[in-house]
């Protein structure tokens, strides 16, 4: 629960990202719609440019094409490292 809450909070603090606290499983599902990229394009960029893996939201339906799914089952240090990379890289996409 601690990792979920921290990860959700950190996503909510990012400019252009919104994130509702998940109610189940081990995933957060932030919305990146302000970046005007498909979830597949965004997922590919994050993997290639900064080594952060997110599942494209479109895999869960067309309505979620601005979302990515991230697991919070990783260690706190891995979560913090990934969030830091995202926070530094995302502004370059606007």
PDB file of N, CA and C in Angstrom:
ATOM      1  N   UNK A   1       0.822  -1.197   0.000  1.00  0.00           N
ATOM      2  CA  UNK A   1       0.000   0.000   0.000  1.00  0.00           C
ATOM      3  C   UNK A   1       0.866   1.260   0.000  1.00  0.00           C
ATOM      4  N   UNK A   2       1.978   1.208   0.725  1.00  0.00           N
ATOM      5  CA  UNK A   2       2.867   2.374   0.779  1.00  0.00           C
ATOM      6  C   UNK A   2       3.413   2.704  -0.613  1.00  0.00           C
ATOM      7  N   UNK A   3       3.884   1.675  -1.328  1.00  0.00           N
ATOM      8  CA  UNK A   3       4.422   1.904  -2.677  1.00  0.00           C
ATOM      9  C   UNK A   3       3.338   2.437  -3.610  1.00  0.00           C
ATOM     10  N   UNK A   4       2.141   1.892  -3.496  1.00  0.00           N
ATOM     11  CA  UNK A   4       1.020   2.368  -4.319  1.00  0.00           C
ATOM     12  C   UNK A   4       0.751   3.846  -4.065  1.00  0.00           C
ATOM     13  N   UNK A   5       0.666   4.210  -2.782  1.00  0.00           N
ATOM     14  CA  UNK A   5       0.348   5.592  -2.427  1.00  0.00           C
ATOM     15  C   UNK A   5       1.436   6.561  -2.875  1.00  0.00           C
ATOM     16  N   UNK A   6       2.688   6.166  -2.691  1.00  0.00           N
ATOM     17  CA  UNK A   6       3.805   7.032  -3.094  1.00  0.00           C
ATOM     18  C   UNK A   6       3.848   7.174  -4.611  1.00  0.00           C
ATOM     19  N   UNK A   7       3.692   6.068  -5.320  1.00  0.00           N
ATOM     20  CA  UNK A   7       3.751   6.119  -6.782  1.00  0.00           C
ATOM     21  C   UNK A   7       2.607   6.974  -7.330  1.00  0.00           C
ATOM     22  N   UNK A   8       1.407   6.803  -6.789  1.00  0.00           N
ATOM     23  CA  UNK A   8       0.263   7.606  -7.221  1.00  0.00           C
ATOM     24  C   UNK A   8       0.522   9.084  -6.962  1.00  0.00           C
ATOM     25  N   UNK A   9       1.016   9.397  -5.782  1.00  0.00           N
ATOM     26  CA  UNK A   9       1.298  10.794  -5.429  1.00  0.00           C
ATOM     27  C   UNK A   9       2.346  11.400  -6.357  1.00  0.00           C
ATOM     28  N   UNK A  10       3.414  10.653  -6.631  1.00  0.00           N
ATOM     29  CA  UNK A  10       4.482  11.173  -7.486  1.00  0.00           C
ATOM     30  C   UNK A  10       3.990  11.416  -8.913  1.00  0.00           C
ATOM     31  N   UNK A  11       3.134  10.535  -9.422  1.00  0.00           N
ATOM     32  CA  UNK A  11       2.563  10.774 -10.752  1.00  0.00           C
ATOM     33  C   UNK A  11       1.675  12.016 -10.739  1.00  0.00           C
ATOM     34  N   UNK A  12       0.874  12.178  -9.691  1.00  0.00           N
ATOM     35  CA  UNK A  12      -0.023  13.339  -9.599  1.00  0.00           C
ATOM     36  C   UNK A  12       0.747  14.650  -9.514  1.00  0.00           C
ATOM     37  N   UNK A  13       1.960  14.605  -9.003  1.00  0.00           N
ATOM     38  CA  UNK A  13       2.782  15.807  -8.884  1.00  0.00           C
ATOM     39  C   UNK A  13       3.455  16.197 -10.195  1.00  0.00           C
ATOM     40  N   UNK A  14       3.445  15.297 -11.188  1.00  0.00           N
ATOM     41  CA  UNK A  14       4.078  15.581 -12.475  1.00  0.00           C
ATOM     42  C   UNK A  14       3.187  16.484 -13.314  1.00  0.00           C
ATOM     43  N   UNK A  15       3.800  17.436 -13.984  1.00  0.00           N
ATOM     44  CA  UNK A  15       3.075  18.331 -14.878  1.00  0.00           C
ATOM     45  C   UNK A  15       2.523  17.537 -16.060  1.00  0.00           C
ATOM     46  N   UNK A  16       1.243  17.680 -16.324  1.00  0.00           N
ATOM     47  CA  UNK A  16       0.644  17.025 -17.478  1.00  0.00           C
ATOM     48  C   UNK A  16       0.237  15.588 -17.259  1.00  0.00           C
ATOM     49  N   UNK A  17       0.262  15.113 -16.010  1.00  0.00           N
ATOM     50  CA  UNK A  17      -0.091  13.725 -15.705  1.00  0.00           C
ATOM     51  C   UNK A  17      -1.154  13.723 -14.609  1.00  0.00           C
ATOM     52  N   UNK A  18      -2.145  12.878 -14.766  1.00  0.00           N
ATOM     53  CA  UNK A  18      -3.115  12.673 -13.687  1.00  0.00           C
ATOM     54  C   UNK A  18      -3.157  11.185 -13.364  1.00  0.00           C
ATOM     55  N   UNK A  19      -3.425  10.879 -12.103  1.00  0.00           N
ATOM     56  CA  UNK A  19      -3.396   9.480 -11.688  1.00  0.00           C
ATOM     57  C   UNK A  19      -4.381   9.269 -10.546  1.00  0.00           C
ATOM     58  N   UNK A  20      -5.313   8.375 -10.752  1.00  0.00           N
ATOM     59  CA  UNK A  20      -6.288   8.021  -9.723  1.00  0.00           C
ATOM     60  C   UNK A  20      -5.739   6.828  -8.946  1.00  0.00           C
ATOM     61  N   UNK A  21      -5.822   6.844  -7.619  1.00  0.00           N
ATOM     62  CA  UNK A  21      -5.326   5.697  -6.841  1.00  0.00           C
ATOM     63  C   UNK A  21      -6.029   4.405  -7.264  1.00  0.00           C
ATOM     64  N   UNK A  22      -5.251   3.356  -7.520  1.00  0.00           N
ATOM     65  CA  UNK A  22      -5.851   2.086  -7.929  1.00  0.00           C
ATOM     66  C   UNK A  22      -6.572   1.417  -6.760  1.00  0.00           C
ATOM     67  N   UNK A  23      -7.553   0.595  -7.093  1.00  0.00           N
ATOM     68  CA  UNK A  23      -8.311  -0.105  -6.061  1.00  0.00           C
ATOM     69  C   UNK A  23      -7.927  -1.579  -5.962  1.00  0.00           C
ATOM     70  N   UNK A  24      -7.156  -2.075  -6.924  1.00  0.00           N
ATOM     71  CA  UNK A  24      -6.787  -3.486  -6.898  1.00  0.00           C
ATOM     72  C   UNK A  24      -5.501  -3.726  -7.647  1.00  0.00           C
ATOM     73  N   UNK A  25      -5.061  -4.964  -7.633  1.00  0.00           N
ATOM     74  CA  UNK A  25      -3.838  -5.399  -8.320  1.00  0.00           C
ATOM     75  C   UNK A  25      -2.612  -4.615  -7.858  1.00  0.00           C
ATOM     76  N   UNK A  26      -1.582  -4.587  -8.678  1.00  0.00           N
ATOM     77  CA  UNK A  26      -0.319  -3.923  -8.338  1.00  0.00           C
ATOM     78  C   UNK A  26       0.089  -2.944  -9.428  1.00  0.00           C
ATOM     79  N   UNK A  27      -0.893  -2.202  -9.933  1.00  0.00           N
ATOM     80  CA  UNK A  27      -0.627  -1.306 -11.047  1.00  0.00           C
ATOM     81  C   UNK A  27      -1.254   0.065 -10.834  1.00  0.00           C
ATOM     82  N   UNK A  28      -0.550   1.097 -11.310  1.00  0.00           N
ATOM     83  CA  UNK A  28      -1.140   2.427 -11.424  1.00  0.00           C
ATOM     84  C   UNK A  28      -1.371   2.669 -12.914  1.00  0.00           C
ATOM     85  N   UNK A  29      -2.299   3.560 -13.226  1.00  0.00           N
ATOM     86  CA  UNK A  29      -2.733   3.750 -14.612  1.00  0.00           C
ATOM     87  C   UNK A  29      -2.825   5.241 -14.922  1.00  0.00           C
ATOM     88  N   UNK A  30      -1.684   5.957 -14.847  1.00  0.00           N
ATOM     89  CA  UNK A  30      -1.720   7.408 -15.058  1.00  0.00           C
ATOM     90  C   UNK A  30      -2.111   7.790 -16.488  1.00  0.00           C
ATOM     91  N   UNK A  31      -2.694   8.976 -16.580  1.00  0.00           N
ATOM     92  CA  UNK A  31      -3.170   9.537 -17.844  1.00  0.00           C
ATOM     93  C   UNK A  31      -2.190  10.608 -18.319  1.00  0.00           C
ATOM     94  N   UNK A  32      -1.673  10.434 -19.528  1.00  0.00           N
ATOM     95  CA  UNK A  32      -0.701  11.346 -20.124  1.00  0.00           C
ATOM     96  C   UNK A  32      -1.316  12.118 -21.293  1.00  0.00           C
ATOM     97  N   UNK A  33      -2.622  12.338 -21.290  1.00  0.00           N
ATOM     98  CA  UNK A  33      -3.304  12.924 -22.449  1.00  0.00           C
ATOM     99  C   UNK A  33      -2.770  14.296 -22.838  1.00  0.00           C
ATOM    100  N   UNK A  34      -2.220  15.045 -21.902  1.00  0.00           N
ATOM    101  CA  UNK A  34      -1.686  16.374 -22.235  1.00  0.00           C
ATOM    102  C   UNK A  34      -0.466  16.307 -23.153  1.00  0.00           C
ATOM    103  N   UNK A  35       0.111  15.125 -23.311  1.00  0.00           N
ATOM    104  CA  UNK A  35       1.284  14.980 -24.175  1.00  0.00           C
ATOM    105  C   UNK A  35       0.906  14.697 -25.626  1.00  0.00           C
ATOM    106  N   UNK A  36      -0.375  14.448 -25.896  1.00  0.00           N
ATOM    107  CA  UNK A  36      -0.868  14.237 -27.266  1.00  0.00           C
ATOM    108  C   UNK A  36      -0.103  13.163 -28.027  1.00  0.00           C
ATOM    109  N   UNK A  37       0.212  12.070 -27.343  1.00  0.00           N
ATOM    110  CA  UNK A  37       0.866  10.920 -27.955  1.00  0.00           C
ATOM    111  C   UNK A  37       0.014   9.688 -27.690  1.00  0.00           C
ATOM    112  N   UNK A  38       0.037   8.742 -28.615  1.00  0.00           N
ATOM    113  CA  UNK A  38      -0.656   7.485 -28.339  1.00  0.00           C
ATOM    114  C   UNK A  38       0.093   6.757 -27.225  1.00  0.00           C
ATOM    115  N   UNK A  39      -0.607   5.888 -26.533  1.00  0.00           N
ATOM    116  CA  UNK A  39       0.042   5.152 -25.450  1.00  0.00           C
ATOM    117  C   UNK A  39       1.158   4.252 -25.982  1.00  0.00           C
ATOM    118  N   UNK A  40       0.991   3.727 -27.177  1.00  0.00           N
ATOM    119  CA  UNK A  40       2.032   2.883 -27.770  1.00  0.00           C
ATOM    120  C   UNK A  40       3.280   3.701 -28.073  1.00  0.00           C
ATOM    121  N   UNK A  41       3.111   4.867 -28.668  1.00  0.00           N
ATOM    122  CA  UNK A  41       4.251   5.742 -28.964  1.00  0.00           C
ATOM    123  C   UNK A  41       4.953   6.163 -27.685  1.00  0.00           C
ATOM    124  N   UNK A  42       4.181   6.569 -26.684  1.00  0.00           N
ATOM    125  CA  UNK A  42       4.774   7.000 -25.421  1.00  0.00           C
ATOM    126  C   UNK A  42       5.523   5.854 -24.752  1.00  0.00           C
ATOM    127  N   UNK A  43       4.937   4.670 -24.723  1.00  0.00           N
ATOM    128  CA  UNK A  43       5.599   3.514 -24.109  1.00  0.00           C
ATOM    129  C   UNK A  43       6.917   3.196 -24.816  1.00  0.00           C
ATOM    130  N   UNK A  44       6.919   3.256 -26.142  1.00  0.00           N
ATOM    131  CA  UNK A  44       8.142   2.985 -26.907  1.00  0.00           C
ATOM    132  C   UNK A  44       9.215   4.033 -26.621  1.00  0.00           C
ATOM    133  N   UNK A  45       8.831   5.296 -26.562  1.00  0.00           N
ATOM    134  CA  UNK A  45       9.792   6.362 -26.258  1.00  0.00           C
ATOM    135  C   UNK A  45      10.399   6.184 -24.869  1.00  0.00           C
ATOM    136  N   UNK A  46       9.559   5.903 -23.885  1.00  0.00           N
ATOM    137  CA  UNK A  46      10.062   5.751 -22.518  1.00  0.00           C
ATOM    138  C   UNK A  46      11.021   4.574 -22.404  1.00  0.00           C
ATOM    139  N   UNK A  47      10.712   3.485 -23.092  1.00  0.00           N
ATOM    140  CA  UNK A  47      11.597   2.321 -23.056  1.00  0.00           C
ATOM    141  C   UNK A  47      12.926   2.624 -23.746  1.00  0.00           C
ATOM    142  N   UNK A  48      12.872   3.183 -24.949  1.00  0.00           N
ATOM    143  CA  UNK A  48      14.089   3.436 -25.726  1.00  0.00           C
ATOM    144  C   UNK A  48      14.951   4.549 -25.143  1.00  0.00           C
ATOM    145  N   UNK A  49      14.329   5.610 -24.678  1.00  0.00           N
ATOM    146  CA  UNK A  49      15.088   6.791 -24.247  1.00  0.00           C
ATOM    147  C   UNK A  49      15.551   6.731 -22.797  1.00  0.00           C
ATOM    148  N   UNK A  50      14.720   6.168 -21.897  1.00  0.00           N
ATOM    149  CA  UNK A  50      15.099   6.207 -20.479  1.00  0.00           C
ATOM    150  C   UNK A  50      15.009   4.853 -19.779  1.00  0.00           C
ATOM    151  N   UNK A  51      14.647   3.805 -20.508  1.00  0.00           N
ATOM    152  CA  UNK A  51      14.620   2.468 -19.923  1.00  0.00           C
ATOM    153  C   UNK A  51      13.506   2.235 -18.921  1.00  0.00           C
ATOM    154  N   UNK A  52      12.405   2.970 -19.057  1.00  0.00           N
ATOM    155  CA  UNK A  52      11.253   2.797 -18.168  1.00  0.00           C
ATOM    156  C   UNK A  52      10.164   2.055 -18.947  1.00  0.00           C
ATOM    157  N   UNK A  53       9.648   0.983 -18.345  1.00  0.00           N
ATOM    158  CA  UNK A  53       8.670   0.139 -19.019  1.00  0.00           C
ATOM    159  C   UNK A  53       7.263   0.429 -18.510  1.00  0.00           C
ATOM    160  N   UNK A  54       6.379   0.741 -19.440  1.00  0.00           N
ATOM    161  CA  UNK A  54       4.955   0.908 -19.143  1.00  0.00           C
ATOM    162  C   UNK A  54       4.153   0.206 -20.219  1.00  0.00           C
ATOM    163  N   UNK A  55       3.050  -0.400 -19.841  1.00  0.00           N
ATOM    164  CA  UNK A  55       2.185  -1.073 -20.801  1.00  0.00           C
ATOM    165  C   UNK A  55       1.235  -0.054 -21.426  1.00  0.00           C
ATOM    166  N   UNK A  56       1.170   0.009 -22.754  1.00  0.00           N
ATOM    167  CA  UNK A  56       0.261   0.958 -23.397  1.00  0.00           C
ATOM    168  C   UNK A  56      -1.187   0.733 -22.961  1.00  0.00           C
ATOM    169  N   UNK A  57      -1.853   1.806 -22.602  1.00  0.00           N
ATOM    170  CA  UNK A  57      -3.233   1.719 -22.151  1.00  0.00           C
ATOM    171  C   UNK A  57      -4.190   1.209 -23.200  1.00  0.00           C
ATOM    172  N   UNK A  58      -3.863   1.395 -24.475  1.00  0.00           N
ATOM    173  CA  UNK A  58      -4.734   0.944 -25.554  1.00  0.00           C
ATOM    174  C   UNK A  58      -4.945  -0.572 -25.489  1.00  0.00           C
ATOM    175  N   UNK A  59      -4.052  -1.292 -24.840  1.00  0.00           N
ATOM    176  CA  UNK A  59      -4.215  -2.739 -24.668  1.00  0.00           C
ATOM    177  C   UNK A  59      -5.453  -3.061 -23.829  1.00  0.00           C
ATOM    178  N   UNK A  60      -5.975  -2.064 -23.113  1.00  0.00           N
ATOM    179  CA  UNK A  60      -7.141  -2.245 -22.254  1.00  0.00           C
ATOM    180  C   UNK A  60      -8.385  -1.572 -22.837  1.00  0.00           C
ATOM    181  N   UNK A  61      -8.259  -1.096 -24.075  1.00  0.00           N
ATOM    182  CA  UNK A  61      -9.382  -0.467 -24.771  1.00  0.00           C
ATOM    183  C   UNK A  61      -8.994   0.886 -25.335  1.00  0.00           C
ATOM    184  N   UNK A  62      -9.629   1.253 -26.437  1.00  0.00           N
ATOM    185  CA  UNK A  62      -9.323   2.517 -27.117  1.00  0.00           C
ATOM    186  C   UNK A  62      -9.477   3.730 -26.205  1.00  0.00           C
ATOM    187  N   UNK A  63     -10.388   3.669 -25.259  1.00  0.00           N
ATOM    188  CA  UNK A  63     -10.634   4.802 -24.355  1.00  0.00           C
ATOM    189  C   UNK A  63      -9.426   5.113 -23.476  1.00  0.00           C
ATOM    190  N   UNK A  64      -8.498   4.170 -23.385  1.00  0.00           N
ATOM    191  CA  UNK A  64      -7.334   4.333 -22.504  1.00  0.00           C
ATOM    192  C   UNK A  64      -6.039   4.589 -23.272  1.00  0.00           C
ATOM    193  N   UNK A  65      -6.150   5.071 -24.503  1.00  0.00           N
ATOM    194  CA  UNK A  65      -4.962   5.267 -25.337  1.00  0.00           C
ATOM    195  C   UNK A  65      -4.067   6.408 -24.868  1.00  0.00           C
ATOM    196  N   UNK A  66      -4.471   7.152 -23.866  1.00  0.00           N
ATOM    197  CA  UNK A  66      -3.595   8.198 -23.315  1.00  0.00           C
ATOM    198  C   UNK A  66      -2.976   7.760 -21.986  1.00  0.00           C
ATOM    199  N   UNK A  67      -3.239   6.522 -21.581  1.00  0.00           N
ATOM    200  CA  UNK A  67      -2.740   5.998 -20.308  1.00  0.00           C
ATOM    201  C   UNK A  67      -1.604   5.001 -20.524  1.00  0.00           C
ATOM    202  N   UNK A  68      -0.806   4.831 -19.486  1.00  0.00           N
ATOM    203  CA  UNK A  68       0.165   3.744 -19.420  1.00  0.00           C
ATOM    204  C   UNK A  68      -0.043   3.026 -18.092  1.00  0.00           C
ATOM    205  N   UNK A  69       0.212   1.737 -18.073  1.00  0.00           N
ATOM    206  CA  UNK A  69       0.108   0.970 -16.835  1.00  0.00           C
ATOM    207  C   UNK A  69       1.513   0.669 -16.325  1.00  0.00           C
ATOM    208  N   UNK A  70       1.728   0.966 -15.047  1.00  0.00           N
ATOM    209  CA  UNK A  70       3.009   0.706 -14.396  1.00  0.00           C
ATOM    210  C   UNK A  70       2.781  -0.149 -13.156  1.00  0.00           C
ATOM    211  N   UNK A  71       3.672  -1.096 -12.931  1.00  0.00           N
ATOM    212  CA  UNK A  71       3.593  -1.934 -11.738  1.00  0.00           C
ATOM    213  C   UNK A  71       4.254  -1.232 -10.560  1.00  0.00           C
ATOM    214  N   UNK A  72       3.648  -1.371  -9.386  1.00  0.00           N
ATOM    215  CA  UNK A  72       4.304  -0.869  -8.180  1.00  0.00           C
ATOM    216  C   UNK A  72       4.760  -2.026  -7.294  1.00  0.00           C
ATOM    217  N   UNK A  73       4.971  -3.195  -7.897  1.00  0.00           N
ATOM    218  CA  UNK A  73       5.486  -4.338  -7.143  1.00  0.00           C
ATOM    219  C   UNK A  73       7.013  -4.298  -7.044  1.00  0.00           C
ATOM    220  N   UNK A  74       7.639  -3.347  -7.721  1.00  0.00           N
ATOM    221  CA  UNK A  74       9.102  -3.192  -7.671  1.00  0.00           C
ATOM    222  C   UNK A  74       9.523  -2.618  -6.315  1.00  0.00           C
ATOM    223  N   UNK A  75      10.812  -2.607  -6.076  1.00  0.00           N
ATOM    224  CA  UNK A  75      11.332  -2.030  -4.830  1.00  0.00           C
ATOM    225  C   UNK A  75      11.126  -0.517  -4.834  1.00  0.00           C
ATOM    226  N   UNK A  76      11.127   0.070  -3.641  1.00  0.00           N
ATOM    227  CA  UNK A  76      10.975   1.526  -3.534  1.00  0.00           C
ATOM    228  C   UNK A  76      12.081   2.246  -4.299  1.00  0.00           C
ATOM    229  N   UNK A  77      13.296   1.726  -4.247  1.00  0.00           N
ATOM    230  CA  UNK A  77      14.396   2.399  -4.947  1.00  0.00           C
ATOM    231  C   UNK A  77      14.186   2.348  -6.460  1.00  0.00           C
ATOM    232  N   UNK A  78      13.684   1.228  -6.977  1.00  0.00           N
ATOM    233  CA  UNK A  78      13.399   1.133  -8.413  1.00  0.00           C
ATOM    234  C   UNK A  78      12.255   2.065  -8.812  1.00  0.00           C
ATOM    235  N   UNK A  79      11.236   2.145  -7.970  1.00  0.00           N
ATOM    236  CA  UNK A  79      10.115   3.049  -8.240  1.00  0.00           C
ATOM    237  C   UNK A  79      10.606   4.489  -8.272  1.00  0.00           C
ATOM    238  N   UNK A  80      11.388   4.871  -7.282  1.00  0.00           N
ATOM    239  CA  UNK A  80      11.890   6.246  -7.224  1.00  0.00           C
ATOM    240  C   UNK A  80      12.797   6.560  -8.405  1.00  0.00           C
ATOM    241  N   UNK A  81      13.626   5.601  -8.807  1.00  0.00           N
ATOM    242  CA  UNK A  81      14.507   5.807  -9.962  1.00  0.00           C
ATOM    243  C   UNK A  81      13.689   6.002 -11.241  1.00  0.00           C
ATOM    244  N   UNK A  82      12.680   5.159 -11.440  1.00  0.00           N
ATOM    245  CA  UNK A  82      11.838   5.277 -12.627  1.00  0.00           C
ATOM    246  C   UNK A  82      11.069   6.585 -12.664  1.00  0.00           C
ATOM    247  N   UNK A  83      10.520   6.977 -11.535  1.00  0.00           N
ATOM    248  CA  UNK A  83       9.771   8.236 -11.457  1.00  0.00           C
ATOM    249  C   UNK A  83      10.693   9.425 -11.720  1.00  0.00           C
ATOM    250  N   UNK A  84      11.903   9.376 -11.181  1.00  0.00           N
ATOM    251  CA  UNK A  84      12.872  10.453 -11.416  1.00  0.00           C
ATOM    252  C   UNK A  84      13.188  10.566 -12.904  1.00  0.00           C
ATOM    253  N   UNK A  85      13.404   9.434 -13.562  1.00  0.00           N
ATOM    254  CA  UNK A  85      13.676   9.446 -15.003  1.00  0.00           C
ATOM    255  C   UNK A  85      12.501  10.035 -15.778  1.00  0.00           C
ATOM    256  N   UNK A  86      11.290   9.633 -15.405  1.00  0.00           N
ATOM    257  CA  UNK A  86      10.096  10.172 -16.065  1.00  0.00           C
ATOM    258  C   UNK A  86       9.986  11.675 -15.862  1.00  0.00           C
ATOM    259  N   UNK A  87      10.180  12.108 -14.638  1.00  0.00           N
ATOM    260  CA  UNK A  87      10.063  13.533 -14.310  1.00  0.00           C
ATOM    261  C   UNK A  87      11.066  14.367 -15.114  1.00  0.00           C
ATOM    262  N   UNK A  88      12.248  13.826 -15.340  1.00  0.00           N
ATOM    263  CA  UNK A  88      13.276  14.556 -16.092  1.00  0.00           C
ATOM    264  C   UNK A  88      13.024  14.514 -17.599  1.00  0.00           C
ATOM    265  N   UNK A  89      12.461  13.411 -18.100  1.00  0.00           N
ATOM    266  CA  UNK A  89      12.304  13.233 -19.544  1.00  0.00           C
ATOM    267  C   UNK A  89      10.997  13.803 -20.107  1.00  0.00           C
ATOM    268  N   UNK A  90       9.901  13.651 -19.386  1.00  0.00           N
ATOM    269  CA  UNK A  90       8.597  14.041 -19.927  1.00  0.00           C
ATOM    270  C   UNK A  90       8.520  15.484 -20.431  1.00  0.00           C
ATOM    271  N   UNK A  91       9.111  16.465 -19.754  1.00  0.00           N
ATOM    272  CA  UNK A  91       9.008  17.839 -20.273  1.00  0.00           C
ATOM    273  C   UNK A  91       9.534  18.002 -21.701  1.00  0.00           C
ATOM    274  N   UNK A  92      10.457  17.152 -22.118  1.00  0.00           N
ATOM    275  CA  UNK A  92      10.991  17.254 -23.479  1.00  0.00           C
ATOM    276  C   UNK A  92       9.967  16.825 -24.532  1.00  0.00           C
ATOM    277  N   UNK A  93       8.885  16.201 -24.116  1.00  0.00           N
ATOM    278  CA  UNK A  93       7.866  15.719 -25.052  1.00  0.00           C
ATOM    279  C   UNK A  93       6.743  16.715 -25.287  1.00  0.00           C
ATOM    280  N   UNK A  94       6.729  17.798 -24.550  1.00  0.00           N
ATOM    281  CA  UNK A  94       5.652  18.802 -24.706  1.00  0.00           C
ATOM    282  C   UNK A  94       5.980  19.794 -25.796  1.00  0.00           C
TER     283      UNK A  94
END
